[in-house]
PDB file of N, CA and C in Angstrom:
ATOM      1  N   UNK A   1       0.838  -1.341  -0.213  1.00  0.00           N
ATOM      2  CA  UNK A   1       0.044   0.011   0.036  1.00  0.00           C
ATOM      3  C   UNK A   1       0.833   1.186  -0.018  1.00  0.00           C
ATOM      4  N   UNK A   2       0.379   2.114  -0.785  1.00  0.00           N
ATOM      5  CA  UNK A   2       1.374   3.339  -0.792  1.00  0.00           C
ATOM      6  C   UNK A   2       0.610   4.596  -0.243  1.00  0.00           C
ATOM      7  N   UNK A   3       1.399   4.826   1.007  1.00  0.00           N
ATOM      8  CA  UNK A   3       0.736   5.563   2.282  1.00  0.00           C
ATOM      9  C   UNK A   3       0.814   7.042   1.504  1.00  0.00           C
ATOM     10  N   UNK A   4       1.327   7.262   0.538  1.00  0.00           N
ATOM     11  CA  UNK A   4       1.028   8.696  -0.140  1.00  0.00           C
ATOM     12  C   UNK A   4       0.595   8.606  -1.469  1.00  0.00           C
ATOM     13  N   UNK A   5      -0.546   7.727  -1.560  1.00  0.00           N
ATOM     14  CA  UNK A   5      -1.817   7.504  -2.665  1.00  0.00           C
ATOM     15  C   UNK A   5      -2.810   8.376  -1.983  1.00  0.00           C
ATOM     16  N   UNK A   6      -3.122   9.467  -2.356  1.00  0.00           N
ATOM     17  CA  UNK A   6      -4.627   9.855  -1.830  1.00  0.00           C
ATOM     18  C   UNK A   6      -5.569  10.206  -2.899  1.00  0.00           C
ATOM     19  N   UNK A   7      -5.599   9.500  -4.033  1.00  0.00           N
ATOM     20  CA  UNK A   7      -6.297   9.257  -5.273  1.00  0.00           C
ATOM     21  C   UNK A   7      -7.857   9.354  -4.836  1.00  0.00           C
ATOM     22  N   UNK A   8      -8.373  10.268  -5.260  1.00  0.00           N
ATOM     23  CA  UNK A   8      -9.918  10.410  -5.194  1.00  0.00           C
ATOM     24  C   UNK A   8     -10.013  10.905  -3.737  1.00  0.00           C
ATOM     25  N   UNK A   9      -9.379  11.337  -2.762  1.00  0.00           N
ATOM     26  CA  UNK A   9      -9.647  11.846  -1.475  1.00  0.00           C
ATOM     27  C   UNK A   9      -9.818  13.240  -1.861  1.00  0.00           C
ATOM     28  N   UNK A  10     -10.470  14.018  -1.134  1.00  0.00           N
ATOM     29  CA  UNK A  10     -11.022  15.207  -1.047  1.00  0.00           C
ATOM     30  C   UNK A  10     -10.082  16.166  -0.019  1.00  0.00           C
ATOM     31  N   UNK A  11      -9.125  17.145  -0.192  1.00  0.00           N
ATOM     32  CA  UNK A  11      -8.037  17.538   0.556  1.00  0.00           C
ATOM     33  C   UNK A  11      -8.716  18.938   0.604  1.00  0.00           C
ATOM     34  N   UNK A  12      -9.251  19.606   1.761  1.00  0.00           N
ATOM     35  CA  UNK A  12      -9.529  21.266   2.031  1.00  0.00           C
ATOM     36  C   UNK A  12      -8.108  21.517   2.682  1.00  0.00           C
ATOM     37  N   UNK A  13      -7.534  22.551   2.113  1.00  0.00           N
ATOM     38  CA  UNK A  13      -6.153  23.151   2.684  1.00  0.00           C
ATOM     39  C   UNK A  13      -6.626  24.423   2.803  1.00  0.00           C
ATOM     40  N   UNK A  14      -6.564  25.216   4.156  1.00  0.00           N
ATOM     41  CA  UNK A  14      -6.629  26.592   4.678  1.00  0.00           C
ATOM     42  C   UNK A  14      -5.090  26.982   4.554  1.00  0.00           C
ATOM     43  N   UNK A  15      -5.346  28.542   4.177  1.00  0.00           N
ATOM     44  CA  UNK A  15      -3.640  29.099   4.228  1.00  0.00           C
ATOM     45  C   UNK A  15      -2.980  28.509   2.913  1.00  0.00           C
ATOM     46  N   UNK A  16      -3.505  28.340   1.839  1.00  0.00           N
ATOM     47  CA  UNK A  16      -3.067  27.268   0.841  1.00  0.00           C
ATOM     48  C   UNK A  16      -2.574  28.099  -0.417  1.00  0.00           C
ATOM     49  N   UNK A  17      -2.468  29.643  -0.149  1.00  0.00           N
ATOM     50  CA  UNK A  17      -1.962  30.436  -1.109  1.00  0.00           C
ATOM     51  C   UNK A  17      -0.544  30.602  -1.058  1.00  0.00           C
ATOM     52  N   UNK A  18       0.235  30.457  -0.163  1.00  0.00           N
ATOM     53  CA  UNK A  18       1.794  30.700   0.116  1.00  0.00           C
ATOM     54  C   UNK A  18       2.209  29.379   1.000  1.00  0.00           C
ATOM     55  N   UNK A  19       3.633  29.282   1.089  1.00  0.00           N
ATOM     56  CA  UNK A  19       4.239  28.938   2.562  1.00  0.00           C
ATOM     57  C   UNK A  19       4.056  27.402   2.596  1.00  0.00           C
ATOM     58  N   UNK A  20       3.977  27.214   3.944  1.00  0.00           N
ATOM     59  CA  UNK A  20       3.726  25.678   4.152  1.00  0.00           C
ATOM     60  C   UNK A  20       2.358  25.251   3.734  1.00  0.00           C
ATOM     61  N   UNK A  21       1.021  26.136   3.606  1.00  0.00           N
ATOM     62  CA  UNK A  21      -0.012  25.718   3.010  1.00  0.00           C
ATOM     63  C   UNK A  21      -0.212  25.368   1.668  1.00  0.00           C
ATOM     64  N   UNK A  22       0.488  26.020   0.831  1.00  0.00           N
ATOM     65  CA  UNK A  22       0.614  25.869  -0.210  1.00  0.00           C
ATOM     66  C   UNK A  22       1.356  24.679  -0.658  1.00  0.00           C
ATOM     67  N   UNK A  23       2.516  24.391  -0.199  1.00  0.00           N
ATOM     68  CA  UNK A  23       3.482  23.129  -0.141  1.00  0.00           C
ATOM     69  C   UNK A  23       2.119  21.986  -0.035  1.00  0.00           C
ATOM     70  N   UNK A  24       1.572  22.167   1.177  1.00  0.00           N
ATOM     71  CA  UNK A  24       0.889  20.946   1.854  1.00  0.00           C
ATOM     72  C   UNK A  24      -0.364  20.553   0.330  1.00  0.00           C
ATOM     73  N   UNK A  25      -0.761  21.693  -0.226  1.00  0.00           N
ATOM     74  CA  UNK A  25      -1.822  21.903  -0.970  1.00  0.00           C
ATOM     75  C   UNK A  25      -1.079  21.062  -2.352  1.00  0.00           C
ATOM     76  N   UNK A  26      -0.071  21.595  -2.733  1.00  0.00           N
ATOM     77  CA  UNK A  26       0.767  20.850  -4.113  1.00  0.00           C
ATOM     78  C   UNK A  26       1.212  19.531  -3.638  1.00  0.00           C
ATOM     79  N   UNK A  27       1.336  19.213  -2.413  1.00  0.00           N
ATOM     80  CA  UNK A  27       1.858  17.932  -2.155  1.00  0.00           C
ATOM     81  C   UNK A  27       0.546  16.686  -2.353  1.00  0.00           C
ATOM     82  N   UNK A  28      -0.640  17.422  -1.927  1.00  0.00           N
ATOM     83  CA  UNK A  28      -1.687  16.411  -1.928  1.00  0.00           C
ATOM     84  C   UNK A  28      -2.422  16.240  -3.180  1.00  0.00           C
ATOM     85  N   UNK A  29      -1.906  17.537  -4.062  1.00  0.00           N
ATOM     86  CA  UNK A  29      -2.482  17.351  -5.696  1.00  0.00           C
ATOM     87  C   UNK A  29      -1.516  16.255  -6.281  1.00  0.00           C
ATOM     88  N   UNK A  30      -0.354  16.544  -6.123  1.00  0.00           N
ATOM     89  CA  UNK A  30       0.858  15.395  -6.284  1.00  0.00           C
ATOM     90  C   UNK A  30       0.650  14.183  -6.210  1.00  0.00           C
ATOM     91  N   UNK A  31      -0.018  13.835  -5.006  1.00  0.00           N
ATOM     92  CA  UNK A  31      -0.505  12.369  -4.439  1.00  0.00           C
ATOM     93  C   UNK A  31      -1.801  11.828  -4.999  1.00  0.00           C
ATOM     94  N   UNK A  32      -2.575  12.624  -5.965  1.00  0.00           N
ATOM     95  CA  UNK A  32      -3.834  12.431  -6.791  1.00  0.00           C
ATOM     96  C   UNK A  32      -5.141  12.567  -5.971  1.00  0.00           C
ATOM     97  N   UNK A  33      -4.738  13.734  -4.629  1.00  0.00           N
ATOM     98  CA  UNK A  33      -6.245  14.137  -4.219  1.00  0.00           C
ATOM     99  C   UNK A  33      -6.673  15.336  -4.908  1.00  0.00           C
ATOM    100  N   UNK A  34      -7.898  15.343  -4.869  1.00  0.00           N
ATOM    101  CA  UNK A  34      -8.837  16.447  -5.412  1.00  0.00           C
ATOM    102  C   UNK A  34      -8.586  17.589  -4.232  1.00  0.00           C
ATOM    103  N   UNK A  35      -8.110  18.861  -4.657  1.00  0.00           N
ATOM    104  CA  UNK A  35      -7.728  19.754  -3.274  1.00  0.00           C
ATOM    105  C   UNK A  35      -8.754  21.221  -3.578  1.00  0.00           C
ATOM    106  N   UNK A  36      -9.163  21.520  -2.274  1.00  0.00           N
ATOM    107  CA  UNK A  36      -9.486  22.956  -2.399  1.00  0.00           C
ATOM    108  C   UNK A  36      -8.584  23.740  -1.540  1.00  0.00           C
ATOM    109  N   UNK A  37      -8.619  24.688  -2.365  1.00  0.00           N
ATOM    110  CA  UNK A  37      -7.501  25.494  -1.803  1.00  0.00           C
ATOM    111  C   UNK A  37      -8.057  27.002  -1.011  1.00  0.00           C
ATOM    112  N   UNK A  38      -8.045  27.211   0.233  1.00  0.00           N
ATOM    113  CA  UNK A  38      -8.538  28.007   0.706  1.00  0.00           C
ATOM    114  C   UNK A  38      -7.716  29.251   1.356  1.00  0.00           C
ATOM    115  N   UNK A  39      -7.881  30.798   1.074  1.00  0.00           N
ATOM    116  CA  UNK A  39      -7.151  31.580   1.504  1.00  0.00           C
ATOM    117  C   UNK A  39      -7.821  32.874   1.320  1.00  0.00           C
ATOM    118  N   UNK A  40      -7.014  33.974   1.814  1.00  0.00           N
ATOM    119  CA  UNK A  40      -7.730  35.489   1.623  1.00  0.00           C
ATOM    120  C   UNK A  40      -7.273  35.872   0.195  1.00  0.00           C
ATOM    121  N   UNK A  41      -6.056  35.807  -0.215  1.00  0.00           N
ATOM    122  CA  UNK A  41      -5.583  36.351  -1.449  1.00  0.00           C
ATOM    123  C   UNK A  41      -5.751  35.468  -2.917  1.00  0.00           C
ATOM    124  N   UNK A  42      -6.782  35.876  -3.549  1.00  0.00           N
ATOM    125  CA  UNK A  42      -7.209  35.266  -4.410  1.00  0.00           C
ATOM    126  C   UNK A  42      -6.053  34.961  -5.774  1.00  0.00           C
ATOM    127  N   UNK A  43      -5.358  36.121  -5.905  1.00  0.00           N
ATOM    128  CA  UNK A  43      -4.267  36.180  -6.947  1.00  0.00           C
ATOM    129  C   UNK A  43      -3.411  34.920  -6.619  1.00  0.00           C
ATOM    130  N   UNK A  44      -2.907  34.690  -5.465  1.00  0.00           N
ATOM    131  CA  UNK A  44      -1.932  33.381  -5.040  1.00  0.00           C
ATOM    132  C   UNK A  44      -2.376  31.962  -5.095  1.00  0.00           C
ATOM    133  N   UNK A  45      -3.835  32.634  -4.892  1.00  0.00           N
ATOM    134  CA  UNK A  45      -4.979  31.209  -4.783  1.00  0.00           C
ATOM    135  C   UNK A  45      -4.916  30.536  -6.266  1.00  0.00           C
ATOM    136  N   UNK A  46      -5.080  31.471  -6.824  1.00  0.00           N
ATOM    137  CA  UNK A  46      -5.245  31.232  -8.471  1.00  0.00           C
ATOM    138  C   UNK A  46      -3.967  30.743  -9.146  1.00  0.00           C
ATOM    139  N   UNK A  47      -2.573  31.283  -8.709  1.00  0.00           N
ATOM    140  CA  UNK A  47      -1.410  30.462  -8.824  1.00  0.00           C
ATOM    141  C   UNK A  47      -1.381  28.861  -8.393  1.00  0.00           C
ATOM    142  N   UNK A  48      -1.427  29.111  -7.312  1.00  0.00           N
ATOM    143  CA  UNK A  48      -1.344  27.340  -6.473  1.00  0.00           C
ATOM    144  C   UNK A  48      -2.488  26.456  -7.253  1.00  0.00           C
ATOM    145  N   UNK A  49      -3.347  26.870  -7.360  1.00  0.00           N
ATOM    146  CA  UNK A  49      -4.655  25.876  -7.930  1.00  0.00           C
ATOM    147  C   UNK A  49      -3.781  25.710  -9.441  1.00  0.00           C
ATOM    148  N   UNK A  50      -3.407  26.631 -10.353  1.00  0.00           N
ATOM    149  CA  UNK A  50      -2.795  26.421 -11.604  1.00  0.00           C
ATOM    150  C   UNK A  50      -1.832  25.158 -11.490  1.00  0.00           C
ATOM    151  N   UNK A  51      -0.937  25.454 -10.353  1.00  0.00           N
ATOM    152  CA  UNK A  51       0.216  24.288 -10.298  1.00  0.00           C
ATOM    153  C   UNK A  51      -0.285  23.105  -9.994  1.00  0.00           C
ATOM    154  N   UNK A  52      -1.196  22.826  -9.015  1.00  0.00           N
ATOM    155  CA  UNK A  52      -2.151  21.522  -9.197  1.00  0.00           C
ATOM    156  C   UNK A  52      -2.566  21.017 -10.170  1.00  0.00           C
ATOM    157  N   UNK A  53      -3.352  21.952 -10.782  1.00  0.00           N
ATOM    158  CA  UNK A  53      -3.835  21.513 -12.181  1.00  0.00           C
ATOM    159  C   UNK A  53      -2.873  20.864 -13.175  1.00  0.00           C
ATOM    160  N   UNK A  54      -1.937  21.397 -13.113  1.00  0.00           N
ATOM    161  CA  UNK A  54      -0.361  20.982 -13.939  1.00  0.00           C
ATOM    162  C   UNK A  54      -0.220  19.842 -13.833  1.00  0.00           C
ATOM    163  N   UNK A  55      -0.283  19.064 -12.627  1.00  0.00           N
ATOM    164  CA  UNK A  55      -0.214  17.667 -12.464  1.00  0.00           C
ATOM    165  C   UNK A  55      -1.149  16.985 -12.670  1.00  0.00           C
ATOM    166  N   UNK A  56      -2.371  17.362 -13.667  1.00  0.00           N
ATOM    167  CA  UNK A  56      -3.219  16.663 -13.519  1.00  0.00           C
ATOM    168  C   UNK A  56      -4.011  16.439 -12.484  1.00  0.00           C
ATOM    169  N   UNK A  57      -4.244  17.150 -11.651  1.00  0.00           N
ATOM    170  CA  UNK A  57      -5.417  16.743 -10.378  1.00  0.00           C
ATOM    171  C   UNK A  57      -6.212  17.782 -10.303  1.00  0.00           C
ATOM    172  N   UNK A  58      -7.231  17.533  -9.977  1.00  0.00           N
ATOM    173  CA  UNK A  58      -8.351  18.604  -9.832  1.00  0.00           C
ATOM    174  C   UNK A  58      -8.586  19.261  -8.479  1.00  0.00           C
ATOM    175  N   UNK A  59      -8.532  20.575  -9.052  1.00  0.00           N
ATOM    176  CA  UNK A  59      -8.467  21.787  -7.803  1.00  0.00           C
ATOM    177  C   UNK A  59      -9.307  22.750  -8.276  1.00  0.00           C
ATOM    178  N   UNK A  60      -9.742  23.567  -7.227  1.00  0.00           N
ATOM    179  CA  UNK A  60     -10.261  25.054  -7.023  1.00  0.00           C
ATOM    180  C   UNK A  60     -10.062  25.650  -6.055  1.00  0.00           C
ATOM    181  N   UNK A  61     -10.318  27.088  -5.998  1.00  0.00           N
ATOM    182  CA  UNK A  61      -9.823  27.716  -4.550  1.00  0.00           C
ATOM    183  C   UNK A  61     -11.168  28.517  -4.160  1.00  0.00           C
ATOM    184  N   UNK A  62     -11.051  28.987  -3.207  1.00  0.00           N
ATOM    185  CA  UNK A  62     -12.507  29.714  -2.369  1.00  0.00           C
ATOM    186  C   UNK A  62     -11.806  30.853  -1.654  1.00  0.00           C
ATOM    187  N   UNK A  63     -11.952  31.933  -1.807  1.00  0.00           N
ATOM    188  CA  UNK A  63     -11.600  32.821  -1.114  1.00  0.00           C
ATOM    189  C   UNK A  63     -11.965  32.735   0.427  1.00  0.00           C
ATOM    190  N   UNK A  64     -11.345  32.983   1.323  1.00  0.00           N
ATOM    191  CA  UNK A  64     -12.159  32.777   2.583  1.00  0.00           C
ATOM    192  C   UNK A  64     -11.622  33.092   3.436  1.00  0.00           C
ATOM    193  N   UNK A  65     -11.516  33.976   4.588  1.00  0.00           N
ATOM    194  CA  UNK A  65     -11.131  34.853   5.737  1.00  0.00           C
ATOM    195  C   UNK A  65     -11.861  33.934   6.719  1.00  0.00           C
ATOM    196  N   UNK A  66     -10.694  33.252   7.532  1.00  0.00           N
ATOM    197  CA  UNK A  66     -11.300  32.208   8.835  1.00  0.00           C
ATOM    198  C   UNK A  66     -11.768  32.774   9.438  1.00  0.00           C
ATOM    199  N   UNK A  67     -11.496  34.196   9.841  1.00  0.00           N
ATOM    200  CA  UNK A  67     -12.225  35.146  11.103  1.00  0.00           C
ATOM    201  C   UNK A  67     -13.585  35.204  10.935  1.00  0.00           C
ATOM    202  N   UNK A  68     -14.201  35.110   9.642  1.00  0.00           N
ATOM    203  CA  UNK A  68     -15.687  35.405   9.229  1.00  0.00           C
ATOM    204  C   UNK A  68     -16.355  34.149   9.260  1.00  0.00           C
ATOM    205  N   UNK A  69     -17.550  33.797  10.169  1.00  0.00           N
ATOM    206  CA  UNK A  69     -18.174  32.733  10.066  1.00  0.00           C
ATOM    207  C   UNK A  69     -18.874  32.666   8.653  1.00  0.00           C
ATOM    208  N   UNK A  70     -19.441  33.579   8.375  1.00  0.00           N
ATOM    209  CA  UNK A  70     -20.021  33.222   6.830  1.00  0.00           C
ATOM    210  C   UNK A  70     -19.014  32.834   5.572  1.00  0.00           C
ATOM    211  N   UNK A  71     -17.920  33.069   5.823  1.00  0.00           N
ATOM    212  CA  UNK A  71     -16.688  32.740   4.943  1.00  0.00           C
ATOM    213  C   UNK A  71     -16.604  30.906   5.404  1.00  0.00           C
ATOM    214  N   UNK A  72     -16.197  30.829   6.383  1.00  0.00           N
ATOM    215  CA  UNK A  72     -16.386  29.243   6.671  1.00  0.00           C
ATOM    216  C   UNK A  72     -17.339  28.532   6.251  1.00  0.00           C
ATOM    217  N   UNK A  73     -18.533  29.039   6.529  1.00  0.00           N
ATOM    218  CA  UNK A  73     -20.060  28.321   6.012  1.00  0.00           C
ATOM    219  C   UNK A  73     -19.618  28.095   4.425  1.00  0.00           C
ATOM    220  N   UNK A  74     -19.705  29.304   3.833  1.00  0.00           N
ATOM    221  CA  UNK A  74     -19.636  29.072   2.185  1.00  0.00           C
ATOM    222  C   UNK A  74     -18.217  28.193   1.943  1.00  0.00           C
ATOM    223  N   UNK A  75     -17.261  28.069   2.277  1.00  0.00           N
ATOM    224  CA  UNK A  75     -16.286  27.341   1.980  1.00  0.00           C
ATOM    225  C   UNK A  75     -16.643  25.843   2.029  1.00  0.00           C
ATOM    226  N   UNK A  76     -17.206  25.429   3.291  1.00  0.00           N
ATOM    227  CA  UNK A  76     -17.513  24.054   3.519  1.00  0.00           C
ATOM    228  C   UNK A  76     -18.728  23.558   2.270  1.00  0.00           C
ATOM    229  N   UNK A  77     -19.650  24.909   2.490  1.00  0.00           N
ATOM    230  CA  UNK A  77     -20.923  24.272   1.490  1.00  0.00           C
ATOM    231  C   UNK A  77     -20.314  24.019   0.199  1.00  0.00           C
ATOM    232  N   UNK A  78     -19.572  25.023  -0.364  1.00  0.00           N
ATOM    233  CA  UNK A  78     -19.171  24.895  -1.955  1.00  0.00           C
ATOM    234  C   UNK A  78     -18.189  23.611  -1.961  1.00  0.00           C
ATOM    235  N   UNK A  79     -17.473  23.462  -1.165  1.00  0.00           N
ATOM    236  CA  UNK A  79     -16.613  22.003  -1.334  1.00  0.00           C
ATOM    237  C   UNK A  79     -17.942  21.027  -1.086  1.00  0.00           C
ATOM    238  N   UNK A  80     -18.388  20.803  -0.244  1.00  0.00           N
ATOM    239  CA  UNK A  80     -19.797  19.899  -0.469  1.00  0.00           C
ATOM    240  C   UNK A  80     -20.450  19.970  -1.689  1.00  0.00           C
ATOM    241  N   UNK A  81     -20.589  21.085  -2.198  1.00  0.00           N
ATOM    242  CA  UNK A  81     -21.619  21.132  -3.538  1.00  0.00           C
ATOM    243  C   UNK A  81     -20.800  20.320  -4.500  1.00  0.00           C
ATOM    244  N   UNK A  82     -19.576  20.963  -4.355  1.00  0.00           N
ATOM    245  CA  UNK A  82     -18.571  20.274  -5.774  1.00  0.00           C
ATOM    246  C   UNK A  82     -18.190  18.921  -5.506  1.00  0.00           C
ATOM    247  N   UNK A  83     -18.139  18.179  -4.278  1.00  0.00           N
ATOM    248  CA  UNK A  83     -17.410  16.984  -4.165  1.00  0.00           C
ATOM    249  C   UNK A  83     -18.218  15.909  -3.177  1.00  0.00           C
ATOM    250  N   UNK A  84     -19.258  16.478  -2.720  1.00  0.00           N
ATOM    251  CA  UNK A  84     -20.088  15.552  -1.590  1.00  0.00           C
ATOM    252  C   UNK A  84     -19.496  15.296  -0.382  1.00  0.00           C
ATOM    253  N   UNK A  85     -18.072  15.750  -0.270  1.00  0.00           N
ATOM    254  CA  UNK A  85     -17.645  15.379   1.053  1.00  0.00           C
ATOM    255  C   UNK A  85     -16.300  16.209   1.255  1.00  0.00           C
ATOM    256  N   UNK A  86     -16.154  16.025   2.607  1.00  0.00           N
ATOM    257  CA  UNK A  86     -14.420  16.582   2.680  1.00  0.00           C
ATOM    258  C   UNK A  86     -13.488  15.207   3.429  1.00  0.00           C
ATOM    259  N   UNK A  87     -12.575  14.762   2.913  1.00  0.00           N
ATOM    260  CA  UNK A  87     -11.874  13.708   3.235  1.00  0.00           C
ATOM    261  C   UNK A  87     -10.999  14.092   4.335  1.00  0.00           C
ATOM    262  N   UNK A  88     -10.135  15.080   4.001  1.00  0.00           N
ATOM    263  CA  UNK A  88      -9.106  15.840   4.605  1.00  0.00           C
ATOM    264  C   UNK A  88      -9.263  17.220   4.924  1.00  0.00           C
ATOM    265  N   UNK A  89      -8.874  17.482   5.998  1.00  0.00           N
ATOM    266  CA  UNK A  89      -8.679  19.125   6.321  1.00  0.00           C
ATOM    267  C   UNK A  89      -7.451  19.469   7.072  1.00  0.00           C
ATOM    268  N   UNK A  90      -6.973  20.278   6.439  1.00  0.00           N
ATOM    269  CA  UNK A  90      -5.397  20.872   6.948  1.00  0.00           C
ATOM    270  C   UNK A  90      -6.018  22.365   7.324  1.00  0.00           C
ATOM    271  N   UNK A  91      -6.086  22.579   8.626  1.00  0.00           N
ATOM    272  CA  UNK A  91      -6.481  23.861   9.122  1.00  0.00           C
ATOM    273  C   UNK A  91      -5.114  24.808   9.136  1.00  0.00           C
ATOM    274  N   UNK A  92      -4.429  25.075   8.179  1.00  0.00           N
ATOM    275  CA  UNK A  92      -2.993  25.656   8.256  1.00  0.00           C
ATOM    276  C   UNK A  92      -3.024  27.118   8.475  1.00  0.00           C
ATOM    277  N   UNK A  93      -4.135  27.721   8.133  1.00  0.00           N
ATOM    278  CA  UNK A  93      -4.315  29.356   8.067  1.00  0.00           C
ATOM    279  C   UNK A  93      -4.022  30.085   9.309  1.00  0.00           C
ATOM    280  N   UNK A  94      -2.955  31.082   9.357  1.00  0.00           N
ATOM    281  CA  UNK A  94      -2.787  31.570  10.618  1.00  0.00           C
ATOM    282  C   UNK A  94      -2.371  33.149  10.547  1.00  0.00           C
ATOM    283  N   UNK A  95      -2.458  33.784  11.795  1.00  0.00           N
ATOM    284  CA  UNK A  95      -2.134  34.921  11.656  1.00  0.00           C
ATOM    285  C   UNK A  95      -0.797  35.340  12.485  1.00  0.00           C
ATOM    286  N   UNK A  96      -0.297  36.516  12.020  1.00  0.00           N
ATOM    287  CA  UNK A  96       0.853  36.879  13.028  1.00  0.00           C
ATOM    288  C   UNK A  96       0.803  38.324  13.508  1.00  0.00           C
ATOM    289  N   UNK A  97      -0.240  38.479  14.762  1.00  0.00           N
ATOM    290  CA  UNK A  97      -0.463  39.752  15.077  1.00  0.00           C
ATOM    291  C   UNK A  97       0.772  40.803  15.331  1.00  0.00           C
ATOM    292  N   UNK A  98       1.324  41.913  14.914  1.00  0.00           N
ATOM    293  CA  UNK A  98       2.189  42.541  15.182  1.00  0.00           C
ATOM    294  C   UNK A  98       2.120  42.845  17.104  1.00  0.00           C
ATOM    295  N   UNK A  99       3.380  42.703  17.582  1.00  0.00           N
ATOM    296  CA  UNK A  99       3.563  42.868  18.526  1.00  0.00           C
ATOM    297  C   UNK A  99       4.561  44.170  19.085  1.00  0.00           C
ATOM    298  N   UNK A 100       4.262  44.992  19.908  1.00  0.00           N
ATOM    299  CA  UNK A 100       5.305  45.977  20.142  1.00  0.00           C
ATOM    300  C   UNK A 100       6.161  45.442  20.933  1.00  0.00           C
ATOM    301  N   UNK A 101       7.506  45.914  21.050  1.00  0.00           N
ATOM    302  CA  UNK A 101       8.647  44.912  21.562  1.00  0.00           C
ATOM    303  C   UNK A 101       8.952  46.098  22.473  1.00  0.00           C
ATOM    304  N   UNK A 102       9.619  45.952  23.392  1.00  0.00           N
ATOM    305  CA  UNK A 102       9.867  46.643  24.545  1.00  0.00           C
ATOM    306  C   UNK A 102      11.387  46.692  24.762  1.00  0.00           C
ATOM    307  N   UNK A 103      12.038  47.452  25.036  1.00  0.00           N
ATOM    308  CA  UNK A 103      13.339  47.869  25.029  1.00  0.00           C
ATOM    309  C   UNK A 103      13.831  47.192  26.716  1.00  0.00           C
ATOM    310  N   UNK A 104      12.650  47.085  27.519  1.00  0.00           N
ATOM    311  CA  UNK A 104      12.942  46.722  28.841  1.00  0.00           C
ATOM    312  C   UNK A 104      13.520  45.336  28.936  1.00  0.00           C
TER     313      UNK A 104
END
């Protein structure tokens, strides 16, 4: 059994527009998964999805701000409408709030 064969699995990856999230989305695409890429930056999401599709894997993106309940609902709804299920969720999106540093 090939443990990296995700053929016909549905992988939803948040934070998929760049960095670790994009790398995870590409890896799932390379392993045969159908990938739903989610993030706030549509331009970067389009690029990531094109890279996944170039591997002959099915992929699409949904703009999603995970701080907004309605965006999360839309993300899940659109994924279920397209694929009927979610097999894998990689909740990778994160924020890095700026913190004032003290000299003390």
